[in-house]
């Protein structure tokens, strides 16, 4: 209780200032997201010629990391 007899108000925590991600994603979930994105890149590329599965993965990884780090 506060001095005036009221209940204390809930404090809002600024997660960014506290060093906490608002929508934290585990490393396993991140890897699964990259895996799925790379798979779909492969599927689209398979319609054409050439390509590289490693390049699919690296592009997917960059895309997912950009999405997760966007503010």
Protein backbone atom coordinates (compact mmCIF):
# COMPACT_ATOMS: atom_id res chain seq x y z
CA UNK A 1 0.00 0.00 0.00
CA UNK A 2 1.01 3.54 -0.72
CA UNK A 3 1.19 6.16 2.04
CA UNK A 4 -2.24 7.48 1.04
CA UNK A 5 -3.80 4.01 1.47
CA UNK A 6 -4.14 3.20 -2.23
CA UNK A 7 -2.70 0.18 -3.91
CA UNK A 8 0.51 0.76 -5.85
CA UNK A 9 0.15 1.19 -9.60
CA UNK A 10 1.73 -1.40 -11.83
CA UNK A 11 4.88 -0.07 -13.38
CA UNK A 12 5.41 -0.46 -17.07
CA UNK A 13 8.80 -1.88 -17.90
CA UNK A 14 10.59 -0.48 -20.92
CA UNK A 15 11.87 -3.77 -22.27
CA UNK A 16 14.40 -2.18 -24.61
CA UNK A 17 15.96 -0.19 -21.78
CA UNK A 18 15.95 -3.27 -19.60
CA UNK A 19 17.77 -5.19 -22.33
CA UNK A 20 14.86 -7.54 -23.01
CA UNK A 21 13.51 -8.25 -26.47
CA UNK A 22 9.78 -7.73 -26.78
CA UNK A 23 9.35 -10.78 -28.97
CA UNK A 24 12.37 -12.86 -28.11
CA UNK A 25 12.92 -15.77 -30.47
CA UNK A 26 14.94 -18.78 -29.40
CA UNK A 27 17.90 -19.89 -31.47
CA UNK A 28 15.99 -23.06 -32.37
CA UNK A 29 13.00 -21.05 -33.63
CA UNK A 30 15.34 -18.74 -35.59
CA UNK A 31 16.99 -21.75 -37.23
CA UNK A 32 13.60 -23.22 -38.16
CA UNK A 33 12.52 -19.92 -39.69
CA UNK A 34 15.72 -19.77 -41.75
CA UNK A 35 15.32 -23.41 -42.77
CA UNK A 36 11.78 -22.83 -44.00
CA UNK A 37 12.69 -19.67 -45.88
CA UNK A 38 15.67 -21.40 -47.54
CA UNK A 39 13.42 -24.30 -48.55
CA UNK A 40 10.94 -21.98 -50.25
CA UNK A 41 13.80 -20.18 -52.00
CA UNK A 42 14.97 -23.56 -53.28
CA UNK A 43 11.47 -24.42 -54.47
CA UNK A 44 11.17 -21.15 -56.41
CA UNK A 45 14.67 -21.51 -57.84
CA UNK A 46 14.04 -25.10 -58.88
CA UNK A 47 11.62 -23.78 -61.48
CA UNK A 48 14.60 -22.16 -63.22
CA UNK A 49 18.15 -23.31 -63.70
CA UNK A 50 21.16 -23.37 -61.44
CA UNK A 51 21.43 -21.89 -58.02
CA UNK A 52 23.13 -22.92 -54.85
CA UNK A 53 21.62 -24.29 -51.65
CA UNK A 54 24.23 -22.47 -49.57
CA UNK A 55 23.28 -19.18 -51.21
CA UNK A 56 19.60 -19.97 -50.47
CA UNK A 57 20.50 -20.46 -46.81
CA UNK A 58 22.60 -17.30 -46.55
CA UNK A 59 19.92 -15.17 -48.18
CA UNK A 60 17.25 -16.68 -45.93
CA UNK A 61 19.43 -16.09 -42.86
CA UNK A 62 19.95 -12.43 -43.79
CA UNK A 63 16.21 -11.99 -44.42
CA UNK A 64 15.15 -13.57 -41.11
CA UNK A 65 17.80 -11.70 -39.08
CA UNK A 66 16.70 -8.39 -40.65
CA UNK A 67 13.10 -9.20 -39.82
CA UNK A 68 13.91 -10.15 -36.20
CA UNK A 69 16.09 -7.08 -35.65
CA UNK A 70 13.64 -4.60 -37.16
CA UNK A 71 12.36 -2.08 -34.63
